[in-house]
PDB file of all heavy atoms in Angstrom:
ATOM      1  N   ALA A   1       2.181 -10.318 -12.643  1.00  0.00           N
ATOM      2  CA  ALA A   1       2.329 -10.016 -11.181  1.00  0.00           C
ATOM      3  C   ALA A   1       2.434 -11.326 -10.368  1.00  0.00           C
ATOM      4  O   ALA A   1       3.247 -11.465  -9.513  1.00  0.00           O
ATOM      5  CB  ALA A   1       1.210  -9.142 -10.684  1.00  0.00           C
ATOM      6  N   LEU A   2       1.496 -12.280 -10.667  1.00  0.00           N
ATOM      7  CA  LEU A   2       1.471 -13.501  -9.912  1.00  0.00           C
ATOM      8  C   LEU A   2       2.715 -14.284 -10.280  1.00  0.00           C
ATOM      9  O   LEU A   2       3.269 -14.956  -9.361  1.00  0.00           O
ATOM     10  CB  LEU A   2       0.256 -14.305 -10.398  1.00  0.00           C
ATOM     11  CG  LEU A   2      -1.095 -13.786  -9.876  1.00  0.00           C
ATOM     12  CD1 LEU A   2      -2.297 -14.469 -10.620  1.00  0.00           C
ATOM     13  CD2 LEU A   2      -1.254 -14.009  -8.343  1.00  0.00           C
ATOM     14  N   LEU A   3       3.178 -14.335 -11.491  1.00  0.00           N
ATOM     15  CA  LEU A   3       4.453 -15.005 -11.773  1.00  0.00           C
ATOM     16  C   LEU A   3       5.635 -14.428 -11.024  1.00  0.00           C
ATOM     17  O   LEU A   3       6.433 -15.185 -10.411  1.00  0.00           O
ATOM     18  CB  LEU A   3       4.683 -14.961 -13.326  1.00  0.00           C
ATOM     19  CG  LEU A   3       3.787 -15.865 -14.157  1.00  0.00           C
ATOM     20  CD1 LEU A   3       3.909 -15.341 -15.694  1.00  0.00           C
ATOM     21  CD2 LEU A   3       4.332 -17.293 -14.177  1.00  0.00           C
ATOM     22  N   HIS A   4       5.720 -13.117 -10.956  1.00  0.00           N
ATOM     23  CA  HIS A   4       6.807 -12.523 -10.279  1.00  0.00           C
ATOM     24  C   HIS A   4       6.701 -12.828  -8.811  1.00  0.00           C
ATOM     25  O   HIS A   4       7.673 -13.147  -8.126  1.00  0.00           O
ATOM     26  CB  HIS A   4       6.716 -10.975 -10.517  1.00  0.00           C
ATOM     27  CG  HIS A   4       7.625 -10.134  -9.667  1.00  0.00           C
ATOM     28  ND1 HIS A   4       9.029 -10.201  -9.866  1.00  0.00           N
ATOM     29  CD2 HIS A   4       7.403  -9.383  -8.624  1.00  0.00           C
ATOM     30  CE1 HIS A   4       9.603  -9.410  -8.957  1.00  0.00           C
ATOM     31  NE2 HIS A   4       8.661  -8.873  -8.198  1.00  0.00           N
ATOM     32  N   GLU A   5       5.526 -12.674  -8.197  1.00  0.00           N
ATOM     33  CA  GLU A   5       5.353 -12.974  -6.811  1.00  0.00           C
ATOM     34  C   GLU A   5       5.588 -14.417  -6.471  1.00  0.00           C
ATOM     35  O   GLU A   5       5.953 -14.759  -5.310  1.00  0.00           O
ATOM     36  CB  GLU A   5       3.915 -12.543  -6.375  1.00  0.00           C
ATOM     37  CG  GLU A   5       3.743 -11.013  -6.458  1.00  0.00           C
ATOM     38  CD  GLU A   5       2.300 -10.616  -6.535  1.00  0.00           C
ATOM     39  OE1 GLU A   5       1.397 -11.498  -6.559  1.00  0.00           O
ATOM     40  OE2 GLU A   5       2.026  -9.410  -6.571  1.00  0.00           O
ATOM     41  N   GLY A   6       5.447 -15.302  -7.517  1.00  0.00           N
ATOM     42  CA  GLY A   6       5.743 -16.744  -7.292  1.00  0.00           C
ATOM     43  C   GLY A   6       7.134 -17.141  -7.575  1.00  0.00           C
ATOM     44  O   GLY A   6       7.454 -18.394  -7.510  1.00  0.00           O
ATOM     45  N   GLY A   7       7.976 -16.194  -7.906  1.00  0.00           N
ATOM     46  CA  GLY A   7       9.458 -16.497  -8.012  1.00  0.00           C
ATOM     47  C   GLY A   7       9.979 -16.705  -9.467  1.00  0.00           C
ATOM     48  O   GLY A   7      11.065 -17.178  -9.682  1.00  0.00           O
ATOM     49  N   ALA A   8       9.161 -16.338 -10.438  1.00  0.00           N
ATOM     50  CA  ALA A   8       9.582 -16.389 -11.839  1.00  0.00           C
ATOM     51  C   ALA A   8      10.277 -15.088 -12.277  1.00  0.00           C
ATOM     52  O   ALA A   8      10.008 -14.039 -11.651  1.00  0.00           O
ATOM     53  CB  ALA A   8       8.397 -16.678 -12.714  1.00  0.00           C
ATOM     54  N   ASP A   9      11.095 -15.193 -13.304  1.00  0.00           N
ATOM     55  CA  ASP A   9      11.711 -13.977 -13.872  1.00  0.00           C
ATOM     56  C   ASP A   9      10.905 -13.651 -15.123  1.00  0.00           C
ATOM     57  O   ASP A   9      10.825 -14.458 -16.093  1.00  0.00           O
ATOM     58  CB  ASP A   9      13.134 -14.368 -14.312  1.00  0.00           C
ATOM     59  CG  ASP A   9      13.873 -13.179 -15.014  1.00  0.00           C
ATOM     60  OD1 ASP A   9      13.299 -12.021 -14.957  1.00  0.00           O
ATOM     61  OD2 ASP A   9      14.979 -13.379 -15.559  1.00  0.00           O
ATOM     62  N   VAL A  10      10.141 -12.544 -15.047  1.00  0.00           N
ATOM     63  CA  VAL A  10       9.088 -12.272 -16.011  1.00  0.00           C
ATOM     64  C   VAL A  10       9.439 -11.043 -16.850  1.00  0.00           C
ATOM     65  O   VAL A  10       9.941  -9.991 -16.375  1.00  0.00           O
ATOM     66  CB  VAL A  10       7.770 -12.037 -15.260  1.00  0.00           C
ATOM     67  CG1 VAL A  10       6.616 -11.904 -16.301  1.00  0.00           C
ATOM     68  CG2 VAL A  10       7.504 -13.125 -14.291  1.00  0.00           C
ATOM     69  N   GLU A  11       9.008 -11.127 -18.165  1.00  0.00           N
ATOM     70  CA  GLU A  11       9.041  -9.986 -19.004  1.00  0.00           C
ATOM     71  C   GLU A  11       7.668  -9.971 -19.742  1.00  0.00           C
ATOM     72  O   GLU A  11       7.294 -11.020 -20.305  1.00  0.00           O
ATOM     73  CB  GLU A  11      10.107  -9.974 -20.034  1.00  0.00           C
ATOM     74  CG  GLU A  11      10.150  -8.723 -20.922  1.00  0.00           C
ATOM     75  CD  GLU A  11      11.229  -8.676 -21.942  1.00  0.00           C
ATOM     76  OE1 GLU A  11      11.947  -9.729 -22.070  1.00  0.00           O
ATOM     77  OE2 GLU A  11      11.453  -7.662 -22.629  1.00  0.00           O
ATOM     78  N   VAL A  12       6.999  -8.826 -19.726  1.00  0.00           N
ATOM     79  CA  VAL A  12       5.705  -8.624 -20.441  1.00  0.00           C
ATOM     80  C   VAL A  12       6.045  -7.951 -21.796  1.00  0.00           C
ATOM     81  O   VAL A  12       6.663  -6.923 -21.838  1.00  0.00           O
ATOM     82  CB  VAL A  12       4.740  -7.818 -19.703  1.00  0.00           C
ATOM     83  CG1 VAL A  12       3.375  -7.777 -20.368  1.00  0.00           C
ATOM     84  CG2 VAL A  12       4.519  -8.356 -18.299  1.00  0.00           C
ATOM     85  N   LEU A  13       5.603  -8.556 -22.799  1.00  0.00           N
ATOM     86  CA  LEU A  13       5.805  -8.020 -24.211  1.00  0.00           C
ATOM     87  C   LEU A  13       4.476  -7.469 -24.737  1.00  0.00           C
ATOM     88  O   LEU A  13       3.484  -8.252 -24.921  1.00  0.00           O
ATOM     89  CB  LEU A  13       6.332  -9.101 -25.122  1.00  0.00           C
ATOM     90  CG  LEU A  13       7.701  -9.687 -24.735  1.00  0.00           C
ATOM     91  CD1 LEU A  13       8.092 -10.906 -25.683  1.00  0.00           C
ATOM     92  CD2 LEU A  13       8.788  -8.660 -24.703  1.00  0.00           C
ATOM     93  N   VAL A  14       4.443  -6.156 -24.932  1.00  0.00           N
ATOM     94  CA  VAL A  14       3.228  -5.497 -25.269  1.00  0.00           C
ATOM     95  C   VAL A  14       3.326  -4.876 -26.654  1.00  0.00           C
ATOM     96  O   VAL A  14       4.258  -4.032 -26.891  1.00  0.00           O
ATOM     97  CB  VAL A  14       2.838  -4.416 -24.202  1.00  0.00           C
ATOM     98  CG1 VAL A  14       1.524  -3.785 -24.500  1.00  0.00           C
ATOM     99  CG2 VAL A  14       2.894  -4.997 -22.820  1.00  0.00           C
ATOM    100  N   ARG A  15       2.392  -5.193 -27.574  1.00  0.00           N
ATOM    101  CA  ARG A  15       2.444  -4.581 -28.904  1.00  0.00           C
ATOM    102  C   ARG A  15       2.223  -3.063 -28.841  1.00  0.00           C
ATOM    103  O   ARG A  15       2.767  -2.303 -29.598  1.00  0.00           O
ATOM    104  CB  ARG A  15       1.372  -5.286 -29.744  1.00  0.00           C
ATOM    105  CG  ARG A  15       1.394  -4.819 -31.229  1.00  0.00           C
ATOM    106  CD  ARG A  15       0.171  -5.418 -31.940  1.00  0.00           C
ATOM    107  NE  ARG A  15       0.296  -6.875 -31.969  1.00  0.00           N
ATOM    108  CZ  ARG A  15       0.848  -7.613 -32.934  1.00  0.00           C
ATOM    109  NH1 ARG A  15       1.414  -6.975 -34.013  1.00  0.00           N
ATOM    110  NH2 ARG A  15       0.858  -8.911 -32.857  1.00  0.00           N
ATOM    111  N   ALA A  16       1.282  -2.652 -28.007  1.00  0.00           N
ATOM    112  CA  ALA A  16       0.899  -1.216 -27.915  1.00  0.00           C
ATOM    113  C   ALA A  16       2.091  -0.365 -27.415  1.00  0.00           C
ATOM    114  O   ALA A  16       2.904  -0.874 -26.610  1.00  0.00           O
ATOM    115  CB  ALA A  16      -0.334  -1.027 -27.079  1.00  0.00           C
ATOM    116  N   PRO A  17       2.032   0.957 -27.628  1.00  0.00           N
ATOM    117  CA  PRO A  17       3.111   1.784 -27.128  1.00  0.00           C
ATOM    118  C   PRO A  17       2.936   2.162 -25.632  1.00  0.00           C
ATOM    119  O   PRO A  17       3.867   2.825 -25.072  1.00  0.00           O
ATOM    120  CB  PRO A  17       3.017   3.044 -28.031  1.00  0.00           C
ATOM    121  CG  PRO A  17       1.578   3.097 -28.451  1.00  0.00           C
ATOM    122  CD  PRO A  17       1.195   1.598 -28.632  1.00  0.00           C
ATOM    123  N   ARG A  18       1.820   1.862 -25.074  1.00  0.00           N
ATOM    124  CA  ARG A  18       1.627   2.131 -23.628  1.00  0.00           C
ATOM    125  C   ARG A  18       0.626   1.194 -23.077  1.00  0.00           C
ATOM    126  O   ARG A  18      -0.115   0.527 -23.777  1.00  0.00           O
ATOM    127  CB  ARG A  18       1.135   3.633 -23.471  1.00  0.00           C
ATOM    128  CG  ARG A  18      -0.163   3.891 -24.191  1.00  0.00           C
ATOM    129  CD  ARG A  18      -0.839   5.182 -23.722  1.00  0.00           C
ATOM    130  NE  ARG A  18      -1.283   5.198 -22.324  1.00  0.00           N
ATOM    131  CZ  ARG A  18      -2.147   6.084 -21.845  1.00  0.00           C
ATOM    132  NH1 ARG A  18      -2.602   7.085 -22.600  1.00  0.00           N
ATOM    133  NH2 ARG A  18      -2.533   6.003 -20.589  1.00  0.00           N
ATOM    134  N   ILE A  19       0.625   1.157 -21.745  1.00  0.00           N
ATOM    135  CA  ILE A  19      -0.321   0.326 -20.976  1.00  0.00           C
ATOM    136  C   ILE A  19      -1.427   1.261 -20.418  1.00  0.00           C
ATOM    137  O   ILE A  19      -1.113   2.356 -19.858  1.00  0.00           O
ATOM    138  CB  ILE A  19       0.329  -0.388 -19.869  1.00  0.00           C
ATOM    139  CG1 ILE A  19       1.157  -1.581 -20.480  1.00  0.00           C
ATOM    140  CG2 ILE A  19      -0.770  -1.053 -18.949  1.00  0.00           C
ATOM    141  CD1 ILE A  19       1.966  -2.370 -19.400  1.00  0.00           C
ATOM    142  N   HIS A  20      -2.669   0.905 -20.595  1.00  0.00           N
ATOM    143  CA  HIS A  20      -3.748   1.701 -20.091  1.00  0.00           C
ATOM    144  C   HIS A  20      -4.165   1.113 -18.742  1.00  0.00           C
ATOM    145  O   HIS A  20      -4.374  -0.144 -18.604  1.00  0.00           O
ATOM    146  CB  HIS A  20      -4.977   1.668 -21.026  1.00  0.00           C
ATOM    147  CG  HIS A  20      -4.647   2.316 -22.382  1.00  0.00           C
ATOM    148  ND1 HIS A  20      -4.696   3.675 -22.532  1.00  0.00           N
ATOM    149  CD2 HIS A  20      -4.357   1.727 -23.537  1.00  0.00           C
ATOM    150  CE1 HIS A  20      -4.377   3.950 -23.858  1.00  0.00           C
ATOM    151  NE2 HIS A  20      -4.150   2.844 -24.444  1.00  0.00           N
ATOM    152  N   PHE A  21      -4.277   1.969 -17.774  1.00  0.00           N
ATOM    153  CA  PHE A  21      -4.758   1.587 -16.480  1.00  0.00           C
ATOM    154  C   PHE A  21      -6.113   2.189 -16.220  1.00  0.00           C
ATOM    155  O   PHE A  21      -6.333   3.440 -16.446  1.00  0.00           O
ATOM    156  CB  PHE A  21      -3.837   1.910 -15.338  1.00  0.00           C
ATOM    157  CG  PHE A  21      -2.594   0.973 -15.272  1.00  0.00           C
ATOM    158  CD1 PHE A  21      -1.449   1.335 -15.833  1.00  0.00           C
ATOM    159  CD2 PHE A  21      -2.684  -0.213 -14.649  1.00  0.00           C
ATOM    160  CE1 PHE A  21      -0.307   0.528 -15.822  1.00  0.00           C
ATOM    161  CE2 PHE A  21      -1.608  -1.053 -14.542  1.00  0.00           C
ATOM    162  CZ  PHE A  21      -0.451  -0.685 -15.150  1.00  0.00           C
ATOM    163  N   LEU A  22      -7.031   1.427 -15.738  1.00  0.00           N
ATOM    164  CA  LEU A  22      -8.437   1.934 -15.489  1.00  0.00           C
ATOM    165  C   LEU A  22      -8.470   2.821 -14.253  1.00  0.00           C
ATOM    166  O   LEU A  22      -7.815   2.509 -13.215  1.00  0.00           O
ATOM    167  CB  LEU A  22      -9.426   0.757 -15.309  1.00  0.00           C
ATOM    168  CG  LEU A  22      -9.509  -0.239 -16.537  1.00  0.00           C
ATOM    169  CD1 LEU A  22     -10.282  -1.359 -16.161  1.00  0.00           C
ATOM    170  CD2 LEU A  22     -10.028   0.494 -17.716  1.00  0.00           C
ATOM    171  N   LYS A  23      -9.315   3.877 -14.368  1.00  0.00           N
ATOM    172  CA  LYS A  23      -9.362   4.804 -13.158  1.00  0.00           C
ATOM    173  C   LYS A  23     -10.280   4.175 -12.115  1.00  0.00           C
ATOM    174  O   LYS A  23     -10.222   4.565 -10.949  1.00  0.00           O
ATOM    175  CB  LYS A  23      -9.887   6.167 -13.638  1.00  0.00           C
ATOM    176  CG  LYS A  23      -8.884   6.877 -14.515  1.00  0.00           C
ATOM    177  CD  LYS A  23      -9.403   8.233 -15.063  1.00  0.00           C
ATOM    178  CE  LYS A  23      -8.361   8.951 -15.805  1.00  0.00           C
ATOM    179  NZ  LYS A  23      -7.942   8.247 -16.985  1.00  0.00           N
ATOM    180  N   GLY A  24     -11.233   3.314 -12.490  1.00  0.00           N
ATOM    181  CA  GLY A  24     -12.008   2.499 -11.580  1.00  0.00           C
ATOM    182  C   GLY A  24     -12.733   3.271 -10.539  1.00  0.00           C
ATOM    183  O   GLY A  24     -13.450   4.312 -10.776  1.00  0.00           O
ATOM    184  N   ALA A  25     -12.591   2.813  -9.229  1.00  0.00           N
ATOM    185  CA  ALA A  25     -13.403   3.334  -8.186  1.00  0.00           C
ATOM    186  C   ALA A  25     -13.228   4.840  -7.965  1.00  0.00           C
ATOM    187  O   ALA A  25     -14.143   5.532  -7.594  1.00  0.00           O
ATOM    188  CB  ALA A  25     -13.092   2.578  -6.881  1.00  0.00           C
ATOM    189  N   GLY A  26     -11.996   5.259  -8.139  1.00  0.00           N
ATOM    190  CA  GLY A  26     -11.794   6.767  -7.943  1.00  0.00           C
ATOM    191  C   GLY A  26     -12.614   7.661  -8.837  1.00  0.00           C
ATOM    192  O   GLY A  26     -13.138   8.626  -8.460  1.00  0.00           O
ATOM    193  N   LEU A  27     -12.676   7.182 -10.076  1.00  0.00           N
ATOM    194  CA  LEU A  27     -13.470   7.949 -11.078  1.00  0.00           C
ATOM    195  C   LEU A  27     -14.952   7.892 -10.751  1.00  0.00           C
ATOM    196  O   LEU A  27     -15.636   8.943 -10.764  1.00  0.00           O
ATOM    197  CB  LEU A  27     -13.275   7.387 -12.469  1.00  0.00           C
ATOM    198  CG  LEU A  27     -14.129   8.015 -13.634  1.00  0.00           C
ATOM    199  CD1 LEU A  27     -13.871   9.493 -13.742  1.00  0.00           C
ATOM    200  CD2 LEU A  27     -13.805   7.313 -14.918  1.00  0.00           C
ATOM    201  N   ARG A  28     -15.424   6.733 -10.344  1.00  0.00           N
ATOM    202  CA  ARG A  28     -16.833   6.596  -9.980  1.00  0.00           C
ATOM    203  C   ARG A  28     -17.190   7.514  -8.790  1.00  0.00           C
ATOM    204  O   ARG A  28     -18.215   8.143  -8.786  1.00  0.00           O
ATOM    205  CB  ARG A  28     -17.201   5.137  -9.667  1.00  0.00           C
ATOM    206  CG  ARG A  28     -17.354   4.270 -10.906  1.00  0.00           C
ATOM    207  CD  ARG A  28     -17.975   2.960 -10.531  1.00  0.00           C
ATOM    208  NE  ARG A  28     -17.067   2.183  -9.640  1.00  0.00           N
ATOM    209  CZ  ARG A  28     -16.017   1.513 -10.038  1.00  0.00           C
ATOM    210  NH1 ARG A  28     -15.712   1.391 -11.316  1.00  0.00           N
ATOM    211  NH2 ARG A  28     -15.278   0.873  -9.190  1.00  0.00           N
ATOM    212  N   SER A  29     -16.275   7.536  -7.850  1.00  0.00           N
ATOM    213  CA  SER A  29     -16.500   8.340  -6.619  1.00  0.00           C
ATOM    214  C   SER A  29     -16.568   9.845  -7.049  1.00  0.00           C
ATOM    215  O   SER A  29     -17.388  10.635  -6.603  1.00  0.00           O
ATOM    216  CB  SER A  29     -15.359   8.153  -5.631  1.00  0.00           C
ATOM    217  OG  SER A  29     -15.584   8.942  -4.485  1.00  0.00           O
ATOM    218  N   ARG A  30     -15.666  10.212  -7.847  1.00  0.00           N
ATOM    219  CA  ARG A  30     -15.616  11.715  -8.313  1.00  0.00           C
ATOM    220  C   ARG A  30     -16.874  12.064  -9.050  1.00  0.00           C
ATOM    221  O   ARG A  30     -17.414  13.093  -8.850  1.00  0.00           O
ATOM    222  CB  ARG A  30     -14.312  12.000  -9.146  1.00  0.00           C
ATOM    223  CG  ARG A  30     -13.106  11.959  -8.296  1.00  0.00           C
ATOM    224  CD  ARG A  30     -11.941  12.517  -9.065  1.00  0.00           C
ATOM    225  NE  ARG A  30     -11.575  11.789 -10.244  1.00  0.00           N
ATOM    226  CZ  ARG A  30     -10.817  10.800 -10.257  1.00  0.00           C
ATOM    227  NH1 ARG A  30     -10.216  10.333  -9.193  1.00  0.00           N
ATOM    228  NH2 ARG A  30     -10.546  10.145 -11.405  1.00  0.00           N
ATOM    229  N   LEU A  31     -17.302  11.160  -9.991  1.00  0.00           N
ATOM    230  CA  LEU A  31     -18.483  11.463 -10.714  1.00  0.00           C
ATOM    231  C   LEU A  31     -19.718  11.411  -9.851  1.00  0.00           C
ATOM    232  O   LEU A  31     -20.653  12.269 -10.067  1.00  0.00           O
ATOM    233  CB  LEU A  31     -18.637  10.432 -11.807  1.00  0.00           C
ATOM    234  CG  LEU A  31     -17.664  10.469 -12.970  1.00  0.00           C
ATOM    235  CD1 LEU A  31     -17.785   9.312 -13.934  1.00  0.00           C
ATOM    236  CD2 LEU A  31     -17.785  11.828 -13.762  1.00  0.00           C
ATOM    237  N   ARG A  32     -19.701  10.549  -8.828  1.00  0.00           N
ATOM    238  CA  ARG A  32     -20.876  10.573  -7.940  1.00  0.00           C
ATOM    239  C   ARG A  32     -20.918  11.904  -7.112  1.00  0.00           C
ATOM    240  O   ARG A  32     -21.968  12.382  -6.966  1.00  0.00           O
ATOM    241  CB  ARG A  32     -20.709   9.340  -6.931  1.00  0.00           C
ATOM    242  CG  ARG A  32     -21.904   9.108  -6.053  1.00  0.00           C
ATOM    243  CD  ARG A  32     -21.772   7.917  -5.184  1.00  0.00           C
ATOM    244  NE  ARG A  32     -21.729   6.676  -5.927  1.00  0.00           N
ATOM    245  CZ  ARG A  32     -20.585   5.970  -6.065  1.00  0.00           C
ATOM    246  NH1 ARG A  32     -19.429   6.320  -5.518  1.00  0.00           N
ATOM    247  NH2 ARG A  32     -20.599   4.795  -6.758  1.00  0.00           N
ATOM    248  N   ASP A  33     -19.800  12.350  -6.746  1.00  0.00           N
ATOM    249  CA  ASP A  33     -19.740  13.617  -5.979  1.00  0.00           C
ATOM    250  C   ASP A  33     -20.228  14.791  -6.910  1.00  0.00           C
ATOM    251  O   ASP A  33     -20.891  15.682  -6.401  1.00  0.00           O
ATOM    252  CB  ASP A  33     -18.356  13.918  -5.438  1.00  0.00           C
ATOM    253  CG  ASP A  33     -17.947  12.957  -4.391  1.00  0.00           C
ATOM    254  OD1 ASP A  33     -18.832  12.249  -3.773  1.00  0.00           O
ATOM    255  OD2 ASP A  33     -16.731  12.789  -4.096  1.00  0.00           O
ATOM    256  N   ARG A  34     -19.872  14.780  -8.136  1.00  0.00           N
ATOM    257  CA  ARG A  34     -20.137  15.896  -8.967  1.00  0.00           C
ATOM    258  C   ARG A  34     -21.537  15.842  -9.598  1.00  0.00           C
ATOM    259  O   ARG A  34     -22.165  16.858  -9.771  1.00  0.00           O
ATOM    260  CB  ARG A  34     -19.140  15.996 -10.066  1.00  0.00           C
ATOM    261  CG  ARG A  34     -17.691  16.330  -9.604  1.00  0.00           C
ATOM    262  CD  ARG A  34     -16.649  16.264 -10.700  1.00  0.00           C
ATOM    263  NE  ARG A  34     -15.317  16.496 -10.258  1.00  0.00           N
ATOM    264  CZ  ARG A  34     -14.279  16.361 -11.000  1.00  0.00           C
ATOM    265  NH1 ARG A  34     -14.350  16.097 -12.334  1.00  0.00           N
ATOM    266  NH2 ARG A  34     -13.038  16.558 -10.509  1.00  0.00           N
ATOM    267  N   LEU A  35     -21.959  14.676  -9.906  1.00  0.00           N
ATOM    268  CA  LEU A  35     -23.262  14.500 -10.703  1.00  0.00           C
ATOM    269  C   LEU A  35     -24.364  13.983  -9.843  1.00  0.00           C
ATOM    270  O   LEU A  35     -25.519  14.080 -10.217  1.00  0.00           O
ATOM    271  CB  LEU A  35     -22.980  13.510 -11.880  1.00  0.00           C
ATOM    272  CG  LEU A  35     -21.919  13.942 -12.862  1.00  0.00           C
ATOM    273  CD1 LEU A  35     -21.785  12.938 -13.940  1.00  0.00           C
ATOM    274  CD2 LEU A  35     -22.288  15.260 -13.464  1.00  0.00           C
ATOM    275  N   GLY A  36     -24.038  13.417  -8.620  1.00  0.00           N
ATOM    276  CA  GLY A  36     -25.162  12.833  -7.799  1.00  0.00           C
ATOM    277  C   GLY A  36     -25.933  11.847  -8.542  1.00  0.00           C
ATOM    278  O   GLY A  36     -25.447  10.887  -9.169  1.00  0.00           O
ATOM    279  N   PRO A  37     -27.256  11.949  -8.538  1.00  0.00           N
ATOM    280  CA  PRO A  37     -28.143  10.941  -9.102  1.00  0.00           C
ATOM    281  C   PRO A  37     -27.976  10.766 -10.629  1.00  0.00           C
ATOM    282  O   PRO A  37     -28.430   9.766 -11.194  1.00  0.00           O
ATOM    283  CB  PRO A  37     -29.631  11.374  -8.686  1.00  0.00           C
ATOM    284  CG  PRO A  37     -29.404  12.307  -7.540  1.00  0.00           C
ATOM    285  CD  PRO A  37     -28.057  12.962  -7.719  1.00  0.00           C
ATOM    286  N   ALA A  38     -27.402  11.784 -11.269  1.00  0.00           N
ATOM    287  CA  ALA A  38     -27.275  11.792 -12.697  1.00  0.00           C
ATOM    288  C   ALA A  38     -26.042  10.973 -13.122  1.00  0.00           C
ATOM    289  O   ALA A  38     -25.861  10.730 -14.290  1.00  0.00           O
ATOM    290  CB  ALA A  38     -27.137  13.217 -13.201  1.00  0.00           C
ATOM    291  N   ARG A  39     -25.246  10.557 -12.135  1.00  0.00           N
ATOM    292  CA  ARG A  39     -23.990   9.823 -12.547  1.00  0.00           C
ATOM    293  C   ARG A  39     -24.191   8.628 -13.391  1.00  0.00           C
ATOM    294  O   ARG A  39     -23.454   8.420 -14.442  1.00  0.00           O
ATOM    295  CB  ARG A  39     -23.274   9.422 -11.218  1.00  0.00           C
ATOM    296  CG  ARG A  39     -21.853   8.917 -11.448  1.00  0.00           C
ATOM    297  CD  ARG A  39     -21.673   7.431 -11.600  1.00  0.00           C
ATOM    298  NE  ARG A  39     -22.247   6.737 -10.453  1.00  0.00           N
ATOM    299  CZ  ARG A  39     -22.389   5.443 -10.411  1.00  0.00           C
ATOM    300  NH1 ARG A  39     -22.074   4.652 -11.452  1.00  0.00           N
ATOM    301  NH2 ARG A  39     -22.911   4.830  -9.326  1.00  0.00           N
TER     302      ARG A  39
END
């Protein structure tokens, strides 16, 4: 992303068949709402 934003022509080569993206803050918020102190 930084290379692209800096004006480079970029290709990412990934061995895996997919890229995993973390659910992050959204998941923590949902778990907090559902589980409360048990989260």
